[in-house]
Amino acid sequence: MADGMAGGVLVVAEIAATGVVRPVSLELITAGRGLADATGGPLTALVLGGSVEAAGQALQAGGADRTLVVTDDRLDPPSAEATATAVAAAIRAVDPGVVLLPGTTAGRDAAPRVAARIDAPLAADCVGFRFDDGALVATRAVLGGRAQSEVRLSGRPQLATVRSGSFPPPEPAAAGGTVEPFPVEFGPADFAVVVDETTSKGGGTTRLDSAEVVVSGGRGLKEPGNFALVEELAAALGGAVGATRAVVDAGWRPHQEQIGQTGRSVSPRLYVAVGISGAVQHNVGMQGSTAIVAINRDPDAPIFKVAQFGIVGDLFEIVPALTAEITAARA
């Protein structure tokens, strides 16, 4: 590996309003760990907010060799400009070869600002990485997930945002990483735009991006009232409810439940697709699931090409029976 990459990897973590590290930030630890091990350099995490001590400990437990904590009440939540200032300061201090940011709304807002400030290349919405002769090669899904493209980055550091659901969460790491305060000088411009409040859109008590089980429904359910079958199966499995774009566009379900290219990406241990044909745009949002179970009456439905387990039959008979069996077994 080229000496230019010896500074290792810097990952920029994002926390929820509760102070808990968002799942995509833990995915960054997994991605960053692989790259850091390949370069022979350290993995450094950066987290900022009004109260981030617990988040710092979580990143350390996930495998960060060093976690830099920026604590400032004005960063609750942080603005894109303030995030860019903190990241640029961390880059100067750590001198990493690669910088990874989450492909969230906030991450996509801050990443190009950082790249512009330090005159560095940026690859957005990445799902995989490798090194080639010291250069970072990022894999991006294109054409609605029908194909993948590789982008070769040059210079130092090399920046990328990571699509949620592209990497598994890290295994618990052995103790040894450090958590350190990292003071940053902020200016008035960093707080020219202030987020006064963030409000949850609702949609259930289980978050899609952290659920281990997701049960999604499509147009095969025929009408919105039949989504109760999906909700009941999800409740029996202790999972979250998802939906395809078609049913969201039809007004059957709220947008925050939409999974796919124009919705959310999930990577649960179990994904159950109920009455979903399997359009590429939907599959790109759930293809990182460990196990996919498809229930559809059409044996030629594309969903069966990506599913590990397929049930061909009438969902209106299969889903209630499956829910009853799971409920009985758990009782």
C-alpha atoms as a PDB file:
ATOM      1  CA  MET A   1       0.000   0.000   0.000  1.00  0.00           C
ATOM      2  CA  ALA A   2       1.265   3.430  -0.897  1.00  0.00           C
ATOM      3  CA  ASP A   3       2.719   5.511   1.903  1.00  0.00           C
ATOM      4  CA  GLY A   4       0.226   8.242   1.041  1.00  0.00           C
ATOM      5  CA  MET A   5      -2.526   6.156   2.612  1.00  0.00           C
ATOM      6  CA  ALA A   6      -0.662   5.505   5.861  1.00  0.00           C
ATOM      7  CA  GLY A   7      -2.755   8.076   7.736  1.00  0.00           C
ATOM      8  CA  GLY A   8      -5.583   5.587   7.864  1.00  0.00           C
ATOM      9  CA  VAL A   9      -9.282   6.324   7.716  1.00  0.00           C
ATOM     10  CA  LEU A  10     -11.489   8.975   9.321  1.00  0.00           C
ATOM     11  CA  VAL A  11     -15.197   8.230   9.676  1.00  0.00           C
ATOM     12  CA  VAL A  12     -17.700  10.947  10.534  1.00  0.00           C
ATOM     13  CA  ALA A  13     -20.435   9.580  12.776  1.00  0.00           C
ATOM     14  CA  GLU A  14     -23.978  10.891  13.045  1.00  0.00           C
ATOM     15  CA  ILE A  15     -26.140  10.706  16.143  1.00  0.00           C
ATOM     16  CA  ALA A  16     -29.892  10.810  16.676  1.00  0.00           C
ATOM     17  CA  ALA A  17     -31.654  13.455  18.744  1.00  0.00           C
ATOM     18  CA  THR A  18     -31.463  11.062  21.699  1.00  0.00           C
ATOM     19  CA  GLY A  19     -27.663  11.006  21.502  1.00  0.00           C
ATOM     20  CA  VAL A  20     -27.564   7.430  20.216  1.00  0.00           C
ATOM     21  CA  VAL A  21     -25.275   6.624  17.290  1.00  0.00           C
ATOM     22  CA  ARG A  22     -27.287   6.090  14.129  1.00  0.00           C
ATOM     23  CA  PRO A  23     -26.961   2.600  12.594  1.00  0.00           C
ATOM     24  CA  VAL A  24     -25.401   4.009   9.413  1.00  0.00           C
ATOM     25  CA  SER A  25     -22.556   5.394  11.544  1.00  0.00           C
ATOM     26  CA  LEU A  26     -21.798   1.910  12.818  1.00  0.00           C
ATOM     27  CA  GLU A  27     -21.821   0.698   9.214  1.00  0.00           C
ATOM     28  CA  LEU A  28     -19.148   3.323   8.549  1.00  0.00           C
ATOM     29  CA  ILE A  29     -17.040   1.712  11.262  1.00  0.00           C
ATOM     30  CA  THR A  30     -17.262  -1.606   9.400  1.00  0.00           C
ATOM     31  CA  ALA A  31     -16.368  -0.009   6.069  1.00  0.00           C
ATOM     32  CA  GLY A  32     -13.625   2.087   7.630  1.00  0.00           C
ATOM     33  CA  ARG A  33     -12.153  -0.858   9.510  1.00  0.00           C
ATOM     34  CA  GLY A  34     -11.695  -2.796   6.288  1.00  0.00           C
ATOM     35  CA  LEU A  35     -10.001   0.141   4.577  1.00  0.00           C
ATOM     36  CA  ALA A  36      -7.830   0.955   7.581  1.00  0.00           C
ATOM     37  CA  ASP A  37      -6.645  -2.636   7.830  1.00  0.00           C
ATOM     38  CA  ALA A  38      -5.820  -2.570   4.114  1.00  0.00           C
ATOM     39  CA  THR A  39      -3.731   0.588   4.501  1.00  0.00           C
ATOM     40  CA  GLY A  40      -2.062  -0.428   7.741  1.00  0.00           C
ATOM     41  CA  GLY A  41      -3.224   2.840   9.301  1.00  0.00           C
ATOM     42  CA  PRO A  42      -5.568   3.607  12.204  1.00  0.00           C
ATOM     43  CA  LEU A  43      -9.335   4.023  12.143  1.00  0.00           C
ATOM     44  CA  THR A  44     -10.393   7.344  13.648  1.00  0.00           C
ATOM     45  CA  ALA A  45     -14.006   8.336  14.333  1.00  0.00           C
ATOM     46  CA  LEU A  46     -15.320  11.875  14.717  1.00  0.00           C
ATOM     47  CA  VAL A  47     -18.606  12.669  16.426  1.00  0.00           C
ATOM     48  CA  LEU A  48     -20.053  16.070  17.289  1.00  0.00           C
ATOM     49  CA  GLY A  49     -23.091  17.309  19.134  1.00  0.00           C
ATOM     50  CA  GLY A  50     -24.381  18.751  22.381  1.00  0.00           C
ATOM     51  CA  SER A  51     -23.971  15.523  24.341  1.00  0.00           C
ATOM     52  CA  VAL A  52     -21.876  12.857  22.655  1.00  0.00           C
ATOM     53  CA  GLU A  53     -20.061  10.994  25.420  1.00  0.00           C
ATOM     54  CA  ALA A  54     -22.196   7.862  25.034  1.00  0.00           C
ATOM     55  CA  ALA A  55     -21.827   8.000  21.263  1.00  0.00           C
ATOM     56  CA  GLY A  56     -18.061   8.194  21.621  1.00  0.00           C
ATOM     57  CA  GLN A  57     -18.040   5.091  23.785  1.00  0.00           C
ATOM     58  CA  ALA A  58     -20.241   3.245  21.264  1.00  0.00           C
ATOM     59  CA  LEU A  59     -17.857   4.069  18.422  1.00  0.00           C
ATOM     60  CA  GLN A  60     -14.924   2.904  20.509  1.00  0.00           C
ATOM     61  CA  ALA A  61     -16.755  -0.347  21.297  1.00  0.00           C
ATOM     62  CA  GLY A  62     -17.458  -0.777  17.582  1.00  0.00           C
ATOM     63  CA  GLY A  63     -13.771  -0.821  16.743  1.00  0.00           C
ATOM     64  CA  ALA A  64     -12.512   2.747  16.308  1.00  0.00           C
ATOM     65  CA  ASP A  65      -8.871   3.029  17.338  1.00  0.00           C
ATOM     66  CA  ARG A  66      -9.397   6.657  18.260  1.00  0.00           C
ATOM     67  CA  THR A  67     -12.616   8.614  18.705  1.00  0.00           C
ATOM     68  CA  LEU A  68     -12.587  12.410  18.610  1.00  0.00           C
ATOM     69  CA  VAL A  69     -15.478  14.022  20.462  1.00  0.00           C
ATOM     70  CA  VAL A  70     -16.584  17.574  19.680  1.00  0.00           C
ATOM     71  CA  THR A  71     -18.969  18.795  22.364  1.00  0.00           C
ATOM     72  CA  ASP A  72     -20.799  22.086  21.932  1.00  0.00           C
ATOM     73  CA  ASP A  73     -24.422  22.887  22.792  1.00  0.00           C
ATOM     74  CA  ARG A  74     -24.700  24.770  19.500  1.00  0.00           C
ATOM     75  CA  LEU A  75     -24.192  21.453  17.707  1.00  0.00           C
ATOM     76  CA  ASP A  76     -27.497  19.991  18.860  1.00  0.00           C
ATOM     77  CA  PRO A  77     -28.147  19.312  16.023  1.00  0.00           C
ATOM     78  CA  PRO A  78     -25.062  20.446  14.051  1.00  0.00           C
ATOM     79  CA  SER A  79     -25.430  22.557  10.920  1.00  0.00           C
ATOM     80  CA  ALA A  80     -23.799  21.513   7.657  1.00  0.00           C
ATOM     81  CA  GLU A  81     -21.301  24.377   7.903  1.00  0.00           C
ATOM     82  CA  ALA A  82     -20.343  23.514  11.484  1.00  0.00           C
ATOM     83  CA  THR A  83     -19.951  19.867  10.523  1.00  0.00           C
ATOM     84  CA  ALA A  84     -17.715  20.849   7.612  1.00  0.00           C
ATOM     85  CA  THR A  85     -15.590  22.995   9.908  1.00  0.00           C
ATOM     86  CA  ALA A  86     -15.174  20.161  12.429  1.00  0.00           C
ATOM     87  CA  VAL A  87     -14.389  17.582   9.750  1.00  0.00           C
ATOM     88  CA  ALA A  88     -11.844  19.854   8.076  1.00  0.00           C
ATOM     89  CA  ALA A  89     -10.171  20.428  11.461  1.00  0.00           C
ATOM     90  CA  ALA A  90     -10.063  16.678  12.110  1.00  0.00           C
ATOM     91  CA  ILE A  91      -8.552  16.071   8.672  1.00  0.00           C
ATOM     92  CA  ARG A  92      -5.780  18.558   9.430  1.00  0.00           C
ATOM     93  CA  ALA A  93      -5.126  16.888  12.786  1.00  0.00           C
ATOM     94  CA  VAL A  94      -5.336  13.246  11.680  1.00  0.00           C
ATOM     95  CA  ASP A  95      -4.142  13.496   8.064  1.00  0.00           C
ATOM     96  CA  PRO A  96      -6.205  10.493   6.880  1.00  0.00           C
ATOM     97  CA  GLY A  97      -5.980   8.954   3.436  1.00  0.00           C
ATOM     98  CA  VAL A  98      -9.740   8.313   3.305  1.00  0.00           C
ATOM     99  CA  VAL A  99     -12.699  10.117   4.882  1.00  0.00           C
ATOM    100  CA  LEU A 100     -16.119   8.441   5.043  1.00  0.00           C
ATOM    101  CA  LEU A 101     -19.394  10.242   5.789  1.00  0.00           C
ATOM    102  CA  PRO A 102     -22.918   8.794   6.055  1.00  0.00           C
ATOM    103  CA  GLY A 103     -25.105   8.995   2.977  1.00  0.00           C
ATOM    104  CA  THR A 104     -27.887  10.639   4.977  1.00  0.00           C
ATOM    105  CA  THR A 105     -29.470  14.030   4.370  1.00  0.00           C
ATOM    106  CA  ALA A 106     -27.013  15.622   6.787  1.00  0.00           C
ATOM    107  CA  GLY A 107     -24.042  13.699   5.419  1.00  0.00           C
ATOM    108  CA  ARG A 108     -24.848  14.582   1.813  1.00  0.00           C
ATOM    109  CA  ASP A 109     -25.191  18.208   2.885  1.00  0.00           C
ATOM    110  CA  ALA A 110     -21.828  18.371   4.646  1.00  0.00           C
ATOM    111  CA  ALA A 111     -19.642  16.174   2.410  1.00  0.00           C
ATOM    112  CA  PRO A 112     -19.374  18.493  -0.634  1.00  0.00           C
ATOM    113  CA  ARG A 113     -18.654  21.431   1.667  1.00  0.00           C
ATOM    114  CA  VAL A 114     -15.730  19.523   3.168  1.00  0.00           C
ATOM    115  CA  ALA A 115     -14.478  18.504  -0.278  1.00  0.00           C
ATOM    116  CA  ALA A 116     -14.629  22.089  -1.509  1.00  0.00           C
ATOM    117  CA  ARG A 117     -12.793  23.434   1.545  1.00  0.00           C
ATOM    118  CA  ILE A 118      -9.865  21.046   1.291  1.00  0.00           C
ATOM    119  CA  ASP A 119      -9.925  20.623  -2.516  1.00  0.00           C
ATOM    120  CA  ALA A 120     -10.419  16.858  -2.331  1.00  0.00           C
ATOM    121  CA  PRO A 121     -12.286  14.354  -4.548  1.00  0.00           C
ATOM    122  CA  LEU A 122     -15.678  13.055  -3.419  1.00  0.00           C
ATOM    123  CA  ALA A 123     -17.635   9.956  -4.448  1.00  0.00           C
ATOM    124  CA  ALA A 124     -21.269   9.961  -3.344  1.00  0.00           C
ATOM    125  CA  ASP A 125     -23.687   7.176  -2.404  1.00  0.00           C
ATOM    126  CA  CYS A 126     -21.110   4.376  -2.341  1.00  0.00           C
ATOM    127  CA  VAL A 127     -21.869   0.721  -1.618  1.00  0.00           C
ATOM    128  CA  GLY A 128     -18.347  -0.746  -1.661  1.00  0.00           C
ATOM    129  CA  PHE A 129     -14.648   0.099  -1.727  1.00  0.00           C
ATOM    130  CA  ARG A 130     -11.306  -1.333  -2.718  1.00  0.00           C
ATOM    131  CA  PHE A 131      -7.798  -0.044  -3.220  1.00  0.00           C
ATOM    132  CA  ASP A 132      -5.943  -0.137  -6.514  1.00  0.00           C
ATOM    133  CA  ASP A 133      -2.294   0.925  -6.463  1.00  0.00           C
ATOM    134  CA  GLY A 134      -2.884   3.234  -3.516  1.00  0.00           C
ATOM    135  CA  ALA A 135      -6.007   4.865  -4.970  1.00  0.00           C
ATOM    136  CA  LEU A 136      -9.477   4.387  -3.532  1.00  0.00           C
ATOM    137  CA  VAL A 137     -11.918   2.789  -5.971  1.00  0.00           C
ATOM    138  CA  ALA A 138     -15.534   3.353  -4.891  1.00  0.00           C
ATOM    139  CA  THR A 139     -18.458   1.278  -6.162  1.00  0.00           C
ATOM    140  CA  ARG A 140     -21.722   3.118  -6.788  1.00  0.00           C
ATOM    141  CA  ALA A 141     -25.122   1.745  -7.801  1.00  0.00           C
ATOM    142  CA  VAL A 142     -26.393   3.399 -10.985  1.00  0.00           C
ATOM    143  CA  LEU A 143     -29.374   3.161 -13.318  1.00  0.00           C
ATOM    144  CA  GLY A 144     -31.730   2.381 -10.479  1.00  0.00           C
ATOM    145  CA  GLY A 145     -29.532  -0.438  -9.214  1.00  0.00           C
ATOM    146  CA  ARG A 146     -29.433  -2.208 -12.602  1.00  0.00           C
ATOM    147  CA  ALA A 147     -25.679  -1.702 -12.789  1.00  0.00           C
ATOM    148  CA  GLN A 148     -22.712  -0.628 -10.731  1.00  0.00           C
ATOM    149  CA  SER A 149     -20.004   1.821 -11.629  1.00  0.00           C
ATOM    150  CA  GLU A 150     -16.533   2.204 -10.171  1.00  0.00           C
ATOM    151  CA  VAL A 151     -15.060   5.626  -9.499  1.00  0.00           C
ATOM    152  CA  ARG A 152     -11.313   5.948  -9.013  1.00  0.00           C
ATOM    153  CA  LEU A 153     -10.276   8.779  -6.693  1.00  0.00           C
ATOM    154  CA  SER A 154      -6.888  10.452  -6.676  1.00  0.00           C
ATOM    155  CA  GLY A 155      -5.238  12.915  -4.322  1.00  0.00           C
ATOM    156  CA  ARG A 156      -5.370  13.017  -0.574  1.00  0.00           C
ATOM    157  CA  PRO A 157      -7.597  12.656   1.291  1.00  0.00           C
ATOM    158  CA  GLN A 158     -10.256  10.841  -0.697  1.00  0.00           C
ATOM    159  CA  LEU A 159     -13.837  11.458   0.463  1.00  0.00           C
ATOM    160  CA  ALA A 160     -16.930   9.294   0.076  1.00  0.00           C
ATOM    161  CA  THR A 161     -20.459   9.107   1.408  1.00  0.00           C
ATOM    162  CA  VAL A 162     -21.796   5.613   2.157  1.00  0.00           C
ATOM    163  CA  ARG A 163     -25.324   4.482   1.351  1.00  0.00           C
ATOM    164  CA  SER A 164     -27.190   3.210   4.396  1.00  0.00           C
ATOM    165  CA  GLY A 165     -27.577  -0.560   4.454  1.00  0.00           C
ATOM    166  CA  SER A 166     -24.436  -1.246   2.399  1.00  0.00           C
ATOM    167  CA  PHE A 167     -22.348  -2.672   5.253  1.00  0.00           C
ATOM    168  CA  PRO A 168     -23.197  -4.783   8.308  1.00  0.00           C
ATOM    169  CA  PRO A 169     -22.776  -3.360  11.819  1.00  0.00           C
ATOM    170  CA  PRO A 170     -19.388  -4.089  13.393  1.00  0.00           C
ATOM    171  CA  GLU A 171     -18.725  -6.951  15.730  1.00  0.00           C
ATOM    172  CA  PRO A 172     -17.890  -5.840  19.312  1.00  0.00           C
ATOM    173  CA  ALA A 173     -14.203  -4.944  19.434  1.00  0.00           C
ATOM    174  CA  ALA A 174     -11.664  -5.684  22.103  1.00  0.00           C
ATOM    175  CA  ALA A 175     -10.925  -2.779  24.438  1.00  0.00           C
ATOM    176  CA  GLY A 176      -8.047  -0.563  23.420  1.00  0.00           C
ATOM    177  CA  GLY A 177      -9.404   2.417  21.506  1.00  0.00           C
ATOM    178  CA  THR A 178      -9.324   5.888  23.022  1.00  0.00           C
ATOM    179  CA  VAL A 179     -12.014   8.564  23.328  1.00  0.00           C
ATOM    180  CA  GLU A 180     -10.607  12.090  23.312  1.00  0.00           C
ATOM    181  CA  PRO A 181     -12.103  15.584  23.426  1.00  0.00           C
ATOM    182  CA  PHE A 182     -11.409  17.463  20.204  1.00  0.00           C
ATOM    183  CA  PRO A 183     -11.808  21.250  20.524  1.00  0.00           C
ATOM    184  CA  VAL A 184     -12.828  23.090  17.352  1.00  0.00           C
ATOM    185  CA  GLU A 185     -12.882  26.833  16.712  1.00  0.00           C
ATOM    186  CA  PHE A 186     -16.264  27.709  15.239  1.00  0.00           C
ATOM    187  CA  GLY A 187     -17.135  31.059  13.704  1.00  0.00           C
ATOM    188  CA  PRO A 188     -20.404  32.954  13.194  1.00  0.00           C
ATOM    189  CA  ALA A 189     -20.721  31.592   9.641  1.00  0.00           C
ATOM    190  CA  ASP A 190     -20.944  28.064  11.024  1.00  0.00           C
ATOM    191  CA  PHE A 191     -24.250  28.935  12.663  1.00  0.00           C
ATOM    192  CA  ALA A 192     -25.718  31.239  10.024  1.00  0.00           C
ATOM    193  CA  VAL A 193     -28.292  28.499   9.463  1.00  0.00           C
ATOM    194  CA  VAL A 194     -29.640  26.924  12.644  1.00  0.00           C
ATOM    195  CA  VAL A 195     -31.940  23.905  12.926  1.00  0.00           C
ATOM    196  CA  ASP A 196     -34.441  24.839  15.616  1.00  0.00           C
ATOM    197  CA  GLU A 197     -36.188  21.488  15.829  1.00  0.00           C
ATOM    198  CA  THR A 198     -36.450  18.106  14.165  1.00  0.00           C
ATOM    199  CA  THR A 199     -39.749  16.257  14.242  1.00  0.00           C
ATOM    200  CA  SER A 200     -40.249  12.559  13.676  1.00  0.00           C
ATOM    201  CA  LYS A 201     -42.610  11.648  10.859  1.00  0.00           C
ATOM    202  CA  GLY A 202     -43.925   8.795  12.958  1.00  0.00           C
ATOM    203  CA  GLY A 203     -44.636   5.504  11.284  1.00  0.00           C
ATOM    204  CA  GLY A 204     -44.352   3.068  14.149  1.00  0.00           C
ATOM    205  CA  THR A 205     -42.180   2.455  17.140  1.00  0.00           C
ATOM    206  CA  THR A 206     -39.516   0.451  15.314  1.00  0.00           C
ATOM    207  CA  ARG A 207     -37.127   2.335  13.040  1.00  0.00           C
ATOM    208  CA  LEU A 208     -36.601   0.773   9.624  1.00  0.00           C
ATOM    209  CA  ASP A 209     -32.876   1.526   9.582  1.00  0.00           C
ATOM    210  CA  SER A 210     -32.264  -0.352  12.833  1.00  0.00           C
ATOM    211  CA  ALA A 211     -34.894  -3.126  12.674  1.00  0.00           C
ATOM    212  CA  GLU A 212     -33.630  -6.698  12.510  1.00  0.00           C
ATOM    213  CA  VAL A 213     -36.867  -7.764  10.804  1.00  0.00           C
ATOM    214  CA  VAL A 214     -38.739  -5.828   8.121  1.00  0.00           C
ATOM    215  CA  VAL A 215     -42.047  -6.908   6.579  1.00  0.00           C
ATOM    216  CA  SER A 216     -42.976  -4.974   3.438  1.00  0.00           C
ATOM    217  CA  GLY A 217     -46.109  -4.933   1.337  1.00  0.00           C
ATOM    218  CA  GLY A 218     -46.791  -4.153  -2.304  1.00  0.00           C
ATOM    219  CA  ARG A 219     -49.668  -3.763  -4.741  1.00  0.00           C
ATOM    220  CA  GLY A 220     -50.481  -7.443  -4.351  1.00  0.00           C
ATOM    221  CA  LEU A 221     -52.347  -6.470  -1.188  1.00  0.00           C
ATOM    222  CA  LYS A 222     -54.956  -4.892  -3.532  1.00  0.00           C
ATOM    223  CA  GLU A 223     -56.178  -2.162  -1.148  1.00  0.00           C
ATOM    224  CA  PRO A 224     -54.803  -0.142   1.786  1.00  0.00           C
ATOM    225  CA  GLY A 225     -56.953  -1.853   4.390  1.00  0.00           C
ATOM    226  CA  ASN A 226     -55.223  -5.139   3.679  1.00  0.00           C
ATOM    227  CA  PHE A 227     -51.933  -3.717   4.956  1.00  0.00           C
ATOM    228  CA  ALA A 228     -53.205  -4.874   8.344  1.00  0.00           C
ATOM    229  CA  LEU A 229     -51.911  -8.302   7.310  1.00  0.00           C
ATOM    230  CA  VAL A 230     -48.394  -6.866   6.970  1.00  0.00           C
ATOM    231  CA  GLU A 231     -48.678  -4.988  10.265  1.00  0.00           C
ATOM    232  CA  GLU A 232     -49.826  -8.106  12.116  1.00  0.00           C
ATOM    233  CA  LEU A 233     -47.013 -10.243  10.698  1.00  0.00           C
ATOM    234  CA  ALA A 234     -44.466  -7.540  11.531  1.00  0.00           C
ATOM    235  CA  ALA A 235     -45.818  -7.333  15.090  1.00  0.00           C
ATOM    236  CA  ALA A 236     -45.589 -11.114  15.490  1.00  0.00           C
ATOM    237  CA  LEU A 237     -41.967 -11.031  14.337  1.00  0.00           C
ATOM    238  CA  GLY A 238     -41.115  -7.921  16.369  1.00  0.00           C
ATOM    239  CA  GLY A 239     -40.229  -6.058  13.178  1.00  0.00           C
ATOM    240  CA  ALA A 240     -40.918  -2.878  11.255  1.00  0.00           C
ATOM    241  CA  VAL A 241     -43.305  -2.229   8.374  1.00  0.00           C
ATOM    242  CA  GLY A 242     -42.084  -1.214   4.927  1.00  0.00           C
ATOM    243  CA  ALA A 243     -43.726  -0.531   1.590  1.00  0.00           C
ATOM    244  CA  THR A 244     -43.020  -0.209  -2.124  1.00  0.00           C
ATOM    245  CA  ARG A 245     -43.090   3.062  -4.011  1.00  0.00           C
ATOM    246  CA  ALA A 246     -46.270   2.032  -5.822  1.00  0.00           C
ATOM    247  CA  VAL A 247     -48.331   1.795  -2.638  1.00  0.00           C
ATOM    248  CA  VAL A 248     -46.781   4.948  -1.198  1.00  0.00           C
ATOM    249  CA  ASP A 249     -47.572   6.878  -4.392  1.00  0.00           C
ATOM    250  CA  ALA A 250     -51.106   5.507  -4.190  1.00  0.00           C
ATOM    251  CA  GLY A 251     -51.434   6.991  -0.705  1.00  0.00           C
ATOM    252  CA  TRP A 252     -51.722   3.652   1.075  1.00  0.00           C
ATOM    253  CA  ARG A 253     -48.669   4.182   3.301  1.00  0.00           C
ATOM    254  CA  PRO A 254     -46.532   7.146   4.441  1.00  0.00           C
ATOM    255  CA  HIS A 255     -43.350   8.003   2.554  1.00  0.00           C
ATOM    256  CA  GLN A 256     -41.074   7.192   5.507  1.00  0.00           C
ATOM    257  CA  GLU A 257     -41.968   3.528   5.036  1.00  0.00           C
ATOM    258  CA  GLN A 258     -40.931   3.466   1.379  1.00  0.00           C
ATOM    259  CA  ILE A 259     -38.027   1.129   0.627  1.00  0.00           C
ATOM    260  CA  GLY A 260     -36.089   1.373  -2.599  1.00  0.00           C
ATOM    261  CA  GLN A 261     -34.068   3.660  -4.813  1.00  0.00           C
ATOM    262  CA  THR A 262     -36.138   6.753  -4.002  1.00  0.00           C
ATOM    263  CA  GLY A 263     -36.900   5.655  -0.450  1.00  0.00           C
ATOM    264  CA  ARG A 264     -34.874   4.023   2.279  1.00  0.00           C
ATOM    265  CA  SER A 265     -32.213   1.321   2.208  1.00  0.00           C
ATOM    266  CA  VAL A 266     -32.438  -1.397   4.853  1.00  0.00           C
ATOM    267  CA  SER A 267     -30.277  -4.387   5.758  1.00  0.00           C
ATOM    268  CA  PRO A 268     -32.213  -6.435   8.347  1.00  0.00           C
ATOM    269  CA  ARG A 269     -31.479 -10.019   9.254  1.00  0.00           C
ATOM    270  CA  LEU A 270     -34.880 -10.959   7.811  1.00  0.00           C
ATOM    271  CA  TYR A 271     -36.817  -9.196   5.043  1.00  0.00           C
ATOM    272  CA  VAL A 272     -40.299 -10.471   4.177  1.00  0.00           C
ATOM    273  CA  ALA A 273     -41.764  -9.231   0.882  1.00  0.00           C
ATOM    274  CA  VAL A 274     -45.549  -9.611   0.770  1.00  0.00           C
ATOM    275  CA  GLY A 275     -47.235  -9.146  -2.597  1.00  0.00           C
ATOM    276  CA  ILE A 276     -44.182  -7.416  -4.067  1.00  0.00           C
ATOM    277  CA  SER A 277     -43.263  -8.142  -7.682  1.00  0.00           C
ATOM    278  CA  GLY A 278     -39.607  -7.219  -7.221  1.00  0.00           C
ATOM    279  CA  ALA A 279     -38.898  -4.193  -9.405  1.00  0.00           C
ATOM    280  CA  VAL A 280     -35.207  -3.280  -9.523  1.00  0.00           C
ATOM    281  CA  GLN A 281     -35.930   0.084  -7.907  1.00  0.00           C
ATOM    282  CA  HIS A 282     -37.336  -1.681  -4.846  1.00  0.00           C
ATOM    283  CA  ASN A 283     -34.736  -4.427  -4.693  1.00  0.00           C
ATOM    284  CA  VAL A 284     -31.854  -1.956  -4.531  1.00  0.00           C
ATOM    285  CA  GLY A 285     -33.188  -0.766  -1.178  1.00  0.00           C
ATOM    286  CA  MET A 286     -33.309  -4.178   0.498  1.00  0.00           C
ATOM    287  CA  GLN A 287     -30.746  -6.339  -1.281  1.00  0.00           C
ATOM    288  CA  GLY A 288     -28.369  -6.046   1.689  1.00  0.00           C
ATOM    289  CA  SER A 289     -30.739  -8.124   3.850  1.00  0.00           C
ATOM    290  CA  THR A 290     -29.272 -11.316   5.302  1.00  0.00           C
ATOM    291  CA  ALA A 291     -32.321 -13.423   4.372  1.00  0.00           C
ATOM    292  CA  ILE A 292     -35.163 -12.469   2.024  1.00  0.00           C
ATOM    293  CA  VAL A 293     -38.504 -14.299   2.052  1.00  0.00           C
ATOM    294  CA  ALA A 294     -40.935 -13.598  -0.791  1.00  0.00           C
ATOM    295  CA  ILE A 295     -44.658 -14.356  -0.771  1.00  0.00           C
ATOM    296  CA  ASN A 296     -46.300 -13.972  -4.196  1.00  0.00           C
ATOM    297  CA  ARG A 297     -48.839 -15.873  -6.259  1.00  0.00           C
ATOM    298  CA  ASP A 298     -46.846 -15.356  -9.483  1.00  0.00           C
ATOM    299  CA  PRO A 299     -44.060 -17.975  -9.701  1.00  0.00           C
ATOM    300  CA  ASP A 300     -42.302 -15.840 -12.332  1.00  0.00           C
ATOM    301  CA  ALA A 301     -42.219 -12.676 -10.190  1.00  0.00           C
ATOM    302  CA  PRO A 302     -38.714 -11.099 -10.271  1.00  0.00           C
ATOM    303  CA  ILE A 303     -38.669 -11.001  -6.459  1.00  0.00           C
ATOM    304  CA  PHE A 304     -37.959 -14.736  -6.410  1.00  0.00           C
ATOM    305  CA  LYS A 305     -34.626 -14.135  -8.177  1.00  0.00           C
ATOM    306  CA  VAL A 306     -33.271 -12.232  -5.164  1.00  0.00           C
ATOM    307  CA  ALA A 307     -35.071 -14.139  -2.400  1.00  0.00           C
ATOM    308  CA  GLN A 308     -33.444 -16.975  -0.484  1.00  0.00           C
ATOM    309  CA  PHE A 309     -36.870 -18.424   0.330  1.00  0.00           C
ATOM    310  CA  GLY A 310     -39.990 -18.192  -1.819  1.00  0.00           C
ATOM    311  CA  ILE A 311     -43.619 -19.051  -1.084  1.00  0.00           C
ATOM    312  CA  VAL A 312     -45.838 -19.227  -4.183  1.00  0.00           C
ATOM    313  CA  GLY A 313     -49.487 -18.846  -3.286  1.00  0.00           C
ATOM    314  CA  ASP A 314     -52.293 -16.565  -2.167  1.00  0.00           C
ATOM    315  CA  LEU A 315     -50.910 -14.089   0.378  1.00  0.00           C
ATOM    316  CA  PHE A 316     -54.401 -13.687   1.857  1.00  0.00           C
ATOM    317  CA  GLU A 317     -54.195 -17.307   2.990  1.00  0.00           C
ATOM    318  CA  ILE A 318     -50.462 -17.596   3.648  1.00  0.00           C
ATOM    319  CA  VAL A 319     -49.827 -14.438   5.691  1.00  0.00           C
ATOM    320  CA  PRO A 320     -52.613 -14.946   8.293  1.00  0.00           C
ATOM    321  CA  ALA A 321     -51.584 -18.605   8.704  1.00  0.00           C
ATOM    322  CA  LEU A 322     -47.923 -17.624   9.079  1.00  0.00           C
ATOM    323  CA  THR A 323     -48.803 -14.926  11.617  1.00  0.00           C
ATOM    324  CA  ALA A 324     -50.892 -17.379  13.636  1.00  0.00           C
ATOM    325  CA  GLU A 325     -48.097 -19.988  13.679  1.00  0.00           C
ATOM    326  CA  ILE A 326     -45.469 -17.448  14.764  1.00  0.00           C
ATOM    327  CA  THR A 327     -47.743 -16.021  17.450  1.00  0.00           C
ATOM    328  CA  ALA A 328     -48.506 -19.493  18.791  1.00  0.00           C
ATOM    329  CA  ALA A 329     -44.844 -20.504  18.766  1.00  0.00           C
ATOM    330  CA  ARG A 330     -43.849 -17.372  20.678  1.00  0.00           C
ATOM    331  CA  ALA A 331     -46.612 -17.848  23.198  1.00  0.00           C
END
